[in-house]
């Protein structure tokens, strides 16, 4: 816990916590990054579910690059936001759930990408089995849970430890 307090008391943590525009600007970038990542993942999931069948999975190659940009935007803004409230966030249930849902969502996307890659080695599948479609739905729900718990942090984060 001392390390987390040190992070909060660093010049960066203090600046983000006290500046009028720093935290709102970082939250803006975090929201944009999340929109990019989750938007791309949802498009991928919907394609697996059978929507836009004319869209080839190879078209998602460029979209994957954009999603990685959104991910790194989220990573950078999230780490910076964390510096302002590290000791409170680490014990916040919604923050913990957000991190869990993010890992689970990432694992489902990784698994779905492997399934799609294996299928596209032969020929792009016209349809996927119900089990794969179920994982696509679960993936979409995990990413909704990331957004929900992330937003809910603001309503459950206790006061600063001064």
N, C-alpha and C. Protein backbone atom coordinates (compact mmCIF):
# COMPACT_ATOMS: atom_id res chain seq x y z
N UNK A 1 0.82 -1.19 0.00
CA UNK A 1 0.00 0.00 0.00
C UNK A 1 0.86 1.26 0.00
N UNK A 2 2.04 1.18 0.61
CA UNK A 2 2.93 2.34 0.62
C UNK A 2 3.32 2.75 -0.80
N UNK A 3 3.54 1.76 -1.66
CA UNK A 3 3.90 2.06 -3.05
C UNK A 3 2.76 2.81 -3.74
N UNK A 4 1.53 2.38 -3.49
CA UNK A 4 0.38 3.04 -4.11
C UNK A 4 0.22 4.47 -3.60
N UNK A 5 0.45 4.67 -2.32
CA UNK A 5 0.40 6.03 -1.77
C UNK A 5 1.52 6.89 -2.36
N UNK A 6 2.68 6.29 -2.57
CA UNK A 6 3.79 7.01 -3.19
C UNK A 6 3.41 7.46 -4.60
N UNK A 7 2.75 6.56 -5.34
CA UNK A 7 2.30 6.91 -6.70
C UNK A 7 1.34 8.10 -6.63
N UNK A 8 0.38 8.03 -5.73
CA UNK A 8 -0.60 9.13 -5.61
C UNK A 8 0.07 10.45 -5.22
N UNK A 9 1.08 10.37 -4.39
CA UNK A 9 1.73 11.59 -3.89
C UNK A 9 2.84 12.08 -4.83
N UNK A 10 3.10 11.34 -5.88
CA UNK A 10 4.09 11.80 -6.86
C UNK A 10 3.58 13.07 -7.53
N UNK A 11 4.48 13.80 -8.18
CA UNK A 11 4.05 15.05 -8.85
C UNK A 11 3.00 14.75 -9.90
N UNK A 12 3.11 13.59 -10.59
CA UNK A 12 2.15 13.24 -11.63
C UNK A 12 0.78 12.93 -11.02
N UNK A 13 0.77 12.12 -9.97
CA UNK A 13 -0.49 11.79 -9.30
C UNK A 13 -1.17 13.02 -8.75
N UNK A 14 -0.39 13.91 -8.14
CA UNK A 14 -0.93 15.14 -7.58
C UNK A 14 -1.46 16.07 -8.68
N UNK A 15 -0.72 16.14 -9.78
CA UNK A 15 -1.15 16.99 -10.90
C UNK A 15 -2.48 16.50 -11.46
N UNK A 16 -2.58 15.21 -11.71
CA UNK A 16 -3.82 14.66 -12.30
C UNK A 16 -4.99 14.82 -11.33
N UNK A 17 -4.72 14.63 -10.05
CA UNK A 17 -5.79 14.74 -9.05
C UNK A 17 -6.25 16.18 -8.83
N UNK A 18 -5.35 17.14 -9.00
CA UNK A 18 -5.71 18.52 -8.64
C UNK A 18 -5.96 19.45 -9.82
N UNK A 19 -5.47 19.11 -11.00
CA UNK A 19 -5.65 19.99 -12.14
C UNK A 19 -7.11 19.96 -12.62
N UNK A 20 -7.59 21.10 -13.00
CA UNK A 20 -8.99 21.23 -13.45
C UNK A 20 -9.27 20.40 -14.69
N UNK A 21 -8.30 20.30 -15.59
CA UNK A 21 -8.55 19.67 -16.89
C UNK A 21 -7.89 18.31 -17.08
N UNK A 22 -6.92 17.94 -16.26
CA UNK A 22 -6.15 16.71 -16.49
C UNK A 22 -7.02 15.46 -16.45
N UNK A 23 -7.73 15.26 -15.35
CA UNK A 23 -8.55 14.05 -15.22
C UNK A 23 -9.68 14.01 -16.26
N UNK A 24 -10.41 15.12 -16.47
CA UNK A 24 -11.45 15.06 -17.50
C UNK A 24 -10.89 14.78 -18.91
N UNK A 25 -9.72 15.34 -19.22
CA UNK A 25 -9.11 15.08 -20.53
C UNK A 25 -8.71 13.61 -20.64
N UNK A 26 -8.14 13.07 -19.58
CA UNK A 26 -7.76 11.65 -19.60
C UNK A 26 -8.99 10.76 -19.70
N UNK A 27 -10.06 11.11 -19.01
CA UNK A 27 -11.30 10.35 -19.11
C UNK A 27 -11.86 10.40 -20.53
N UNK A 28 -11.71 11.54 -21.18
CA UNK A 28 -12.14 11.67 -22.57
C UNK A 28 -11.36 10.71 -23.47
N UNK A 29 -10.03 10.72 -23.33
CA UNK A 29 -9.21 9.81 -24.13
C UNK A 29 -9.53 8.35 -23.80
N UNK A 30 -9.80 8.09 -22.53
CA UNK A 30 -10.13 6.72 -22.11
C UNK A 30 -11.45 6.28 -22.76
N UNK A 31 -12.42 7.18 -22.82
CA UNK A 31 -13.70 6.87 -23.44
C UNK A 31 -13.55 6.64 -24.95
N UNK A 32 -12.75 7.47 -25.60
CA UNK A 32 -12.51 7.30 -27.04
C UNK A 32 -11.83 5.96 -27.30
N UNK A 33 -10.80 5.66 -26.51
CA UNK A 33 -10.10 4.39 -26.66
C UNK A 33 -11.03 3.21 -26.45
N UNK A 34 -11.89 3.31 -25.44
CA UNK A 34 -12.82 2.22 -25.16
C UNK A 34 -13.83 2.07 -26.30
N UNK A 35 -14.27 3.20 -26.84
CA UNK A 35 -15.19 3.13 -27.98
C UNK A 35 -14.56 2.44 -29.17
N UNK A 36 -13.30 2.73 -29.42
CA UNK A 36 -12.59 2.10 -30.54
C UNK A 36 -12.46 0.60 -30.31
N UNK A 37 -11.97 0.23 -29.14
CA UNK A 37 -11.73 -1.19 -28.83
C UNK A 37 -13.04 -1.97 -28.83
N UNK A 38 -14.00 -1.50 -28.05
CA UNK A 38 -15.25 -2.23 -27.92
C UNK A 38 -16.04 -2.21 -29.23
N UNK A 39 -15.99 -1.10 -29.95
CA UNK A 39 -16.65 -1.05 -31.25
C UNK A 39 -16.10 -2.08 -32.21
N UNK A 40 -14.78 -2.18 -32.28
CA UNK A 40 -14.15 -3.17 -33.16
C UNK A 40 -14.50 -4.59 -32.73
N UNK A 41 -14.46 -4.83 -31.43
CA UNK A 41 -14.77 -6.18 -30.92
C UNK A 41 -16.22 -6.53 -31.19
N UNK A 42 -17.11 -5.59 -30.97
CA UNK A 42 -18.52 -5.85 -31.23
C UNK A 42 -18.76 -6.13 -32.71
N UNK A 43 -18.09 -5.39 -33.60
CA UNK A 43 -18.24 -5.66 -35.04
C UNK A 43 -17.78 -7.08 -35.36
N UNK A 44 -16.67 -7.48 -34.77
CA UNK A 44 -16.12 -8.82 -34.97
C UNK A 44 -17.11 -9.88 -34.45
N UNK A 45 -17.63 -9.63 -33.24
CA UNK A 45 -18.60 -10.56 -32.66
C UNK A 45 -19.86 -10.66 -33.52
N UNK A 46 -20.35 -9.53 -33.99
CA UNK A 46 -21.54 -9.55 -34.83
C UNK A 46 -21.29 -10.28 -36.14
N UNK A 47 -20.10 -10.15 -36.68
CA UNK A 47 -19.76 -10.89 -37.91
C UNK A 47 -19.80 -12.39 -37.64
N UNK A 48 -19.27 -12.81 -36.50
CA UNK A 48 -19.30 -14.23 -36.12
C UNK A 48 -20.74 -14.70 -35.93
N UNK A 49 -21.59 -13.82 -35.41
CA UNK A 49 -23.00 -14.17 -35.20
C UNK A 49 -23.79 -14.22 -36.50
N UNK A 50 -23.17 -13.81 -37.61
CA UNK A 50 -23.83 -13.95 -38.91
C UNK A 50 -24.25 -12.65 -39.56
N UNK A 51 -24.03 -11.52 -38.91
CA UNK A 51 -24.36 -10.24 -39.53
C UNK A 51 -23.27 -9.87 -40.53
N UNK A 52 -23.63 -9.15 -41.56
CA UNK A 52 -22.69 -8.67 -42.59
C UNK A 52 -21.83 -9.80 -43.15
N UNK A 53 -22.47 -10.86 -43.56
CA UNK A 53 -21.75 -12.03 -44.08
C UNK A 53 -20.91 -11.72 -45.31
N UNK A 54 -21.28 -10.67 -46.04
CA UNK A 54 -20.48 -10.31 -47.22
C UNK A 54 -19.13 -9.71 -46.82
N UNK A 55 -19.01 -9.29 -45.58
CA UNK A 55 -17.75 -8.72 -45.10
C UNK A 55 -16.80 -9.86 -44.74
N UNK A 56 -15.68 -9.91 -45.44
CA UNK A 56 -14.70 -10.96 -45.20
C UNK A 56 -13.96 -10.71 -43.90
N UNK A 57 -13.53 -11.79 -43.26
CA UNK A 57 -12.75 -11.64 -42.03
C UNK A 57 -11.39 -11.00 -42.30
N UNK A 58 -10.92 -11.04 -43.53
CA UNK A 58 -9.66 -10.36 -43.84
C UNK A 58 -9.81 -8.85 -43.73
N UNK A 59 -11.05 -8.35 -43.87
CA UNK A 59 -11.30 -6.92 -43.71
C UNK A 59 -11.04 -6.47 -42.27
N UNK A 60 -11.06 -7.40 -41.35
CA UNK A 60 -10.83 -7.07 -39.95
C UNK A 60 -9.35 -6.88 -39.63
N UNK A 61 -8.47 -7.17 -40.57
CA UNK A 61 -7.04 -6.99 -40.33
C UNK A 61 -6.72 -5.53 -40.02
N UNK A 62 -7.21 -4.62 -40.86
CA UNK A 62 -6.98 -3.20 -40.60
C UNK A 62 -7.73 -2.73 -39.36
N UNK A 63 -8.91 -3.27 -39.14
CA UNK A 63 -9.68 -2.91 -37.96
C UNK A 63 -8.95 -3.36 -36.68
N UNK A 64 -8.26 -4.48 -36.76
CA UNK A 64 -7.50 -4.97 -35.62
C UNK A 64 -6.39 -3.99 -35.26
N UNK A 65 -5.75 -3.41 -36.26
CA UNK A 65 -4.72 -2.40 -36.00
C UNK A 65 -5.30 -1.18 -35.29
N UNK A 66 -6.46 -0.76 -35.74
CA UNK A 66 -7.13 0.38 -35.11
C UNK A 66 -7.52 0.03 -33.67
N UNK A 67 -7.99 -1.20 -33.46
CA UNK A 67 -8.36 -1.63 -32.11
C UNK A 67 -7.15 -1.62 -31.18
N UNK A 68 -5.98 -2.00 -31.68
CA UNK A 68 -4.77 -1.96 -30.86
C UNK A 68 -4.41 -0.52 -30.50
N UNK A 69 -4.64 0.41 -31.41
CA UNK A 69 -4.40 1.83 -31.10
C UNK A 69 -5.33 2.25 -29.97
N UNK A 70 -6.59 1.87 -30.06
CA UNK A 70 -7.53 2.16 -28.98
C UNK A 70 -7.13 1.52 -27.67
N UNK A 71 -6.63 0.29 -27.75
CA UNK A 71 -6.18 -0.40 -26.53
C UNK A 71 -5.04 0.36 -25.86
N UNK A 72 -4.04 0.78 -26.66
CA UNK A 72 -2.91 1.49 -26.07
C UNK A 72 -3.30 2.88 -25.58
N UNK A 73 -4.27 3.50 -26.23
CA UNK A 73 -4.81 4.77 -25.73
C UNK A 73 -5.46 4.55 -24.37
N UNK A 74 -6.21 3.46 -24.24
CA UNK A 74 -6.83 3.11 -22.95
C UNK A 74 -5.78 2.77 -21.90
N UNK A 75 -4.78 2.03 -22.30
CA UNK A 75 -3.73 1.65 -21.35
C UNK A 75 -3.03 2.89 -20.80
N UNK A 76 -2.63 3.79 -21.69
CA UNK A 76 -1.92 5.00 -21.26
C UNK A 76 -2.82 5.88 -20.39
N UNK A 77 -4.04 6.14 -20.84
CA UNK A 77 -4.92 7.01 -20.06
C UNK A 77 -5.33 6.34 -18.76
N UNK A 78 -5.53 5.03 -18.77
CA UNK A 78 -5.90 4.31 -17.56
C UNK A 78 -4.79 4.32 -16.52
N UNK A 79 -3.55 4.12 -16.95
CA UNK A 79 -2.42 4.17 -16.01
C UNK A 79 -2.29 5.56 -15.42
N UNK A 80 -2.44 6.57 -16.25
CA UNK A 80 -2.35 7.95 -15.75
C UNK A 80 -3.47 8.27 -14.77
N UNK A 81 -4.68 7.85 -15.07
CA UNK A 81 -5.79 8.04 -14.14
C UNK A 81 -5.56 7.29 -12.83
N UNK A 82 -4.98 6.10 -12.94
CA UNK A 82 -4.69 5.28 -11.76
C UNK A 82 -3.74 6.01 -10.80
N UNK A 83 -2.80 6.78 -11.34
CA UNK A 83 -1.82 7.45 -10.48
C UNK A 83 -2.48 8.43 -9.51
N UNK A 84 -3.62 8.98 -9.87
CA UNK A 84 -4.29 9.96 -9.01
C UNK A 84 -5.04 9.32 -7.85
N UNK A 85 -5.38 8.03 -7.96
CA UNK A 85 -6.22 7.37 -6.94
C UNK A 85 -5.82 5.92 -6.72
N UNK A 86 -4.58 5.60 -6.83
CA UNK A 86 -4.12 4.21 -6.81
C UNK A 86 -4.57 3.44 -5.57
N UNK A 87 -4.40 4.03 -4.37
CA UNK A 87 -4.72 3.30 -3.14
C UNK A 87 -6.22 3.06 -2.98
N UNK A 88 -7.03 3.93 -3.55
CA UNK A 88 -8.48 3.76 -3.46
C UNK A 88 -8.99 2.83 -4.56
N UNK A 89 -8.39 2.91 -5.74
CA UNK A 89 -8.84 2.07 -6.84
C UNK A 89 -8.54 0.59 -6.60
N UNK A 90 -7.38 0.32 -6.05
CA UNK A 90 -6.95 -1.07 -5.92
C UNK A 90 -7.88 -1.87 -5.01
N UNK A 91 -8.59 -1.20 -4.10
CA UNK A 91 -9.52 -1.90 -3.20
C UNK A 91 -10.98 -1.68 -3.61
N UNK A 92 -11.22 -0.98 -4.70
CA UNK A 92 -12.57 -0.72 -5.17
C UNK A 92 -13.09 -1.93 -5.95
N UNK A 93 -14.21 -2.48 -5.51
CA UNK A 93 -14.77 -3.67 -6.14
C UNK A 93 -15.03 -3.47 -7.62
N UNK A 94 -15.55 -2.32 -8.01
CA UNK A 94 -15.84 -2.08 -9.42
C UNK A 94 -14.57 -2.03 -10.27
N UNK A 95 -13.50 -1.47 -9.72
CA UNK A 95 -12.22 -1.48 -10.43
C UNK A 95 -11.73 -2.92 -10.60
N UNK A 96 -11.82 -3.69 -9.53
CA UNK A 96 -11.39 -5.09 -9.59
C UNK A 96 -12.22 -5.88 -10.61
N UNK A 97 -13.53 -5.65 -10.60
CA UNK A 97 -14.39 -6.33 -11.57
C UNK A 97 -14.08 -5.88 -13.00
N UNK A 98 -13.81 -4.59 -13.18
CA UNK A 98 -13.47 -4.10 -14.52
C UNK A 98 -12.23 -4.82 -15.03
N UNK A 99 -11.22 -4.94 -14.19
CA UNK A 99 -9.98 -5.63 -14.61
C UNK A 99 -10.26 -7.10 -14.93
N UNK A 100 -11.09 -7.75 -14.12
CA UNK A 100 -11.46 -9.15 -14.36
C UNK A 100 -12.20 -9.29 -15.69
N UNK A 101 -13.22 -8.45 -15.90
CA UNK A 101 -13.99 -8.53 -17.15
C UNK A 101 -13.11 -8.21 -18.37
N UNK A 102 -12.15 -7.33 -18.20
CA UNK A 102 -11.25 -7.00 -19.30
C UNK A 102 -10.40 -8.22 -19.67
N UNK A 103 -9.89 -8.91 -18.67
CA UNK A 103 -9.09 -10.12 -18.93
C UNK A 103 -9.96 -11.19 -19.59
N UNK A 104 -11.15 -11.41 -19.04
CA UNK A 104 -12.05 -12.41 -19.61
C UNK A 104 -12.49 -12.03 -21.03
N UNK A 105 -12.77 -10.75 -21.25
CA UNK A 105 -13.12 -10.29 -22.59
C UNK A 105 -11.97 -10.48 -23.56
N UNK A 106 -10.75 -10.17 -23.12
CA UNK A 106 -9.57 -10.37 -23.96
C UNK A 106 -9.36 -11.83 -24.31
N UNK A 107 -9.58 -12.71 -23.33
CA UNK A 107 -9.43 -14.15 -23.60
C UNK A 107 -10.47 -14.65 -24.60
N UNK A 108 -11.70 -14.14 -24.51
CA UNK A 108 -12.71 -14.59 -25.47
C UNK A 108 -12.39 -14.10 -26.88
N UNK A 109 -11.90 -12.87 -26.99
CA UNK A 109 -11.52 -12.34 -28.31
C UNK A 109 -10.36 -13.14 -28.88
N UNK A 110 -9.38 -13.45 -28.04
CA UNK A 110 -8.23 -14.26 -28.47
C UNK A 110 -8.71 -15.62 -28.97
N UNK A 111 -9.60 -16.26 -28.22
CA UNK A 111 -10.10 -17.58 -28.59
C UNK A 111 -10.90 -17.50 -29.90
N UNK A 112 -11.75 -16.49 -30.03
CA UNK A 112 -12.53 -16.34 -31.26
C UNK A 112 -11.63 -16.09 -32.46
N UNK A 113 -10.60 -15.29 -32.29
CA UNK A 113 -9.66 -15.02 -33.39
C UNK A 113 -8.97 -16.31 -33.83
N UNK A 114 -8.63 -17.17 -32.89
CA UNK A 114 -8.02 -18.47 -33.23
C UNK A 114 -8.99 -19.34 -34.01
N UNK A 115 -10.25 -19.37 -33.57
CA UNK A 115 -11.26 -20.17 -34.27
C UNK A 115 -11.45 -19.66 -35.69
N UNK A 116 -11.55 -18.35 -35.84
CA UNK A 116 -11.73 -17.76 -37.17
C UNK A 116 -10.51 -18.03 -38.04
N UNK A 117 -9.31 -17.90 -37.49
CA UNK A 117 -8.08 -18.15 -38.25
C UNK A 117 -8.01 -19.60 -38.71
N UNK A 118 -8.39 -20.53 -37.85
CA UNK A 118 -8.38 -21.94 -38.24
C UNK A 118 -9.39 -22.21 -39.35
N UNK A 119 -10.55 -21.57 -39.26
CA UNK A 119 -11.58 -21.75 -40.28
C UNK A 119 -11.19 -21.12 -41.59
N UNK A 120 -10.49 -19.98 -41.55
CA UNK A 120 -10.14 -19.28 -42.78
C UNK A 120 -8.96 -19.93 -43.50
N UNK A 121 -8.24 -20.83 -42.83
CA UNK A 121 -7.15 -21.56 -43.51
C UNK A 121 -7.73 -22.43 -44.62
N UNK A 122 -8.91 -22.97 -44.36
CA UNK A 122 -9.56 -23.79 -45.37
C UNK A 122 -10.37 -22.90 -46.31
N UNK A 123 -11.38 -22.31 -45.76
CA UNK A 123 -12.28 -21.43 -46.51
C UNK A 123 -13.09 -20.67 -45.48
N UNK A 124 -13.39 -19.44 -45.76
CA UNK A 124 -14.13 -18.65 -44.78
C UNK A 124 -15.49 -19.29 -44.53
N UNK A 125 -15.78 -19.59 -43.26
CA UNK A 125 -17.04 -20.28 -42.97
C UNK A 125 -18.26 -19.40 -43.22
N UNK A 126 -19.30 -20.01 -43.75
CA UNK A 126 -20.55 -19.28 -43.96
C UNK A 126 -21.25 -19.06 -42.62
N UNK A 127 -21.07 -20.00 -41.72
CA UNK A 127 -21.70 -19.91 -40.41
C UNK A 127 -20.81 -20.61 -39.39
N UNK A 128 -20.97 -20.23 -38.16
CA UNK A 128 -20.19 -20.84 -37.08
C UNK A 128 -21.12 -21.70 -36.23
N UNK A 129 -20.55 -22.69 -35.56
CA UNK A 129 -21.37 -23.50 -34.65
C UNK A 129 -21.94 -22.66 -33.51
N UNK A 130 -23.01 -23.14 -32.91
CA UNK A 130 -23.67 -22.41 -31.83
C UNK A 130 -22.73 -22.13 -30.66
N UNK A 131 -21.81 -23.02 -30.37
CA UNK A 131 -20.86 -22.81 -29.28
C UNK A 131 -19.98 -21.59 -29.52
N UNK A 132 -19.53 -21.43 -30.76
CA UNK A 132 -18.70 -20.27 -31.12
C UNK A 132 -19.53 -19.01 -31.04
N UNK A 133 -20.76 -19.08 -31.52
CA UNK A 133 -21.65 -17.91 -31.44
C UNK A 133 -21.94 -17.54 -29.98
N UNK A 134 -22.08 -18.55 -29.14
CA UNK A 134 -22.33 -18.28 -27.72
C UNK A 134 -21.14 -17.54 -27.10
N UNK A 135 -19.92 -17.93 -27.48
CA UNK A 135 -18.73 -17.25 -26.96
C UNK A 135 -18.69 -15.80 -27.48
N UNK A 136 -19.14 -15.57 -28.71
CA UNK A 136 -19.19 -14.21 -29.25
C UNK A 136 -20.17 -13.36 -28.43
N UNK A 137 -21.29 -13.92 -28.04
CA UNK A 137 -22.25 -13.19 -27.21
C UNK A 137 -21.65 -12.92 -25.83
N UNK A 138 -21.01 -13.93 -25.24
CA UNK A 138 -20.37 -13.77 -23.93
C UNK A 138 -19.28 -12.70 -24.02
N UNK A 139 -18.51 -12.70 -25.10
CA UNK A 139 -17.48 -11.69 -25.30
C UNK A 139 -18.08 -10.30 -25.30
N UNK A 140 -19.16 -10.11 -26.05
CA UNK A 140 -19.82 -8.80 -26.10
C UNK A 140 -20.32 -8.39 -24.71
N UNK A 141 -20.84 -9.35 -23.96
CA UNK A 141 -21.32 -9.05 -22.61
C UNK A 141 -20.18 -8.69 -21.67
N UNK A 142 -19.04 -9.38 -21.79
CA UNK A 142 -17.88 -9.03 -20.97
C UNK A 142 -17.46 -7.58 -21.23
N UNK A 143 -17.45 -7.18 -22.50
CA UNK A 143 -17.02 -5.81 -22.82
C UNK A 143 -18.05 -4.79 -22.35
N UNK A 144 -19.33 -5.14 -22.36
CA UNK A 144 -20.34 -4.26 -21.76
C UNK A 144 -20.09 -4.14 -20.26
N UNK A 145 -19.72 -5.24 -19.63
CA UNK A 145 -19.44 -5.23 -18.19
C UNK A 145 -18.21 -4.38 -17.89
N UNK A 146 -17.22 -4.38 -18.78
CA UNK A 146 -16.04 -3.52 -18.61
C UNK A 146 -16.49 -2.06 -18.59
N UNK A 147 -17.32 -1.68 -19.53
CA UNK A 147 -17.79 -0.30 -19.60
C UNK A 147 -18.64 0.04 -18.37
N UNK A 148 -19.57 -0.84 -18.02
CA UNK A 148 -20.45 -0.58 -16.88
C UNK A 148 -19.65 -0.43 -15.59
N UNK A 149 -18.80 -1.38 -15.29
CA UNK A 149 -18.04 -1.31 -14.03
C UNK A 149 -17.07 -0.13 -14.05
N UNK A 150 -16.51 0.17 -15.21
CA UNK A 150 -15.63 1.33 -15.32
C UNK A 150 -16.35 2.63 -15.02
N UNK A 151 -17.54 2.78 -15.56
CA UNK A 151 -18.32 3.99 -15.28
C UNK A 151 -18.76 4.02 -13.82
N UNK A 152 -19.07 2.87 -13.27
CA UNK A 152 -19.58 2.81 -11.90
C UNK A 152 -18.51 3.12 -10.86
N UNK A 153 -17.25 3.01 -11.25
CA UNK A 153 -16.15 3.35 -10.33
C UNK A 153 -16.34 4.77 -9.80
N UNK A 154 -16.73 5.69 -10.66
CA UNK A 154 -16.89 7.09 -10.26
C UNK A 154 -17.92 7.26 -9.14
N UNK A 155 -18.87 6.35 -9.04
CA UNK A 155 -19.93 6.45 -8.04
C UNK A 155 -19.60 5.69 -6.76
N UNK A 156 -18.53 4.92 -6.77
CA UNK A 156 -18.22 4.09 -5.60
C UNK A 156 -16.81 4.37 -5.04
N UNK A 157 -16.07 5.22 -5.67
CA UNK A 157 -14.70 5.53 -5.22
C UNK A 157 -14.78 6.46 -4.01
N UNK A 158 -14.15 6.04 -2.95
CA UNK A 158 -14.18 6.83 -1.72
C UNK A 158 -13.35 8.11 -1.84
N UNK A 159 -13.38 8.90 -0.78
CA UNK A 159 -12.61 10.18 -0.80
C UNK A 159 -11.12 9.92 -0.76
N UNK A 160 -10.32 10.90 -1.18
CA UNK A 160 -8.86 10.74 -1.18
C UNK A 160 -8.30 10.54 0.23
N UNK A 161 -7.16 9.86 0.29
CA UNK A 161 -6.46 9.62 1.56
C UNK A 161 -5.38 10.67 1.75
N UNK A 162 -5.70 11.78 2.36
CA UNK A 162 -4.68 12.81 2.56
C UNK A 162 -4.05 12.70 3.92
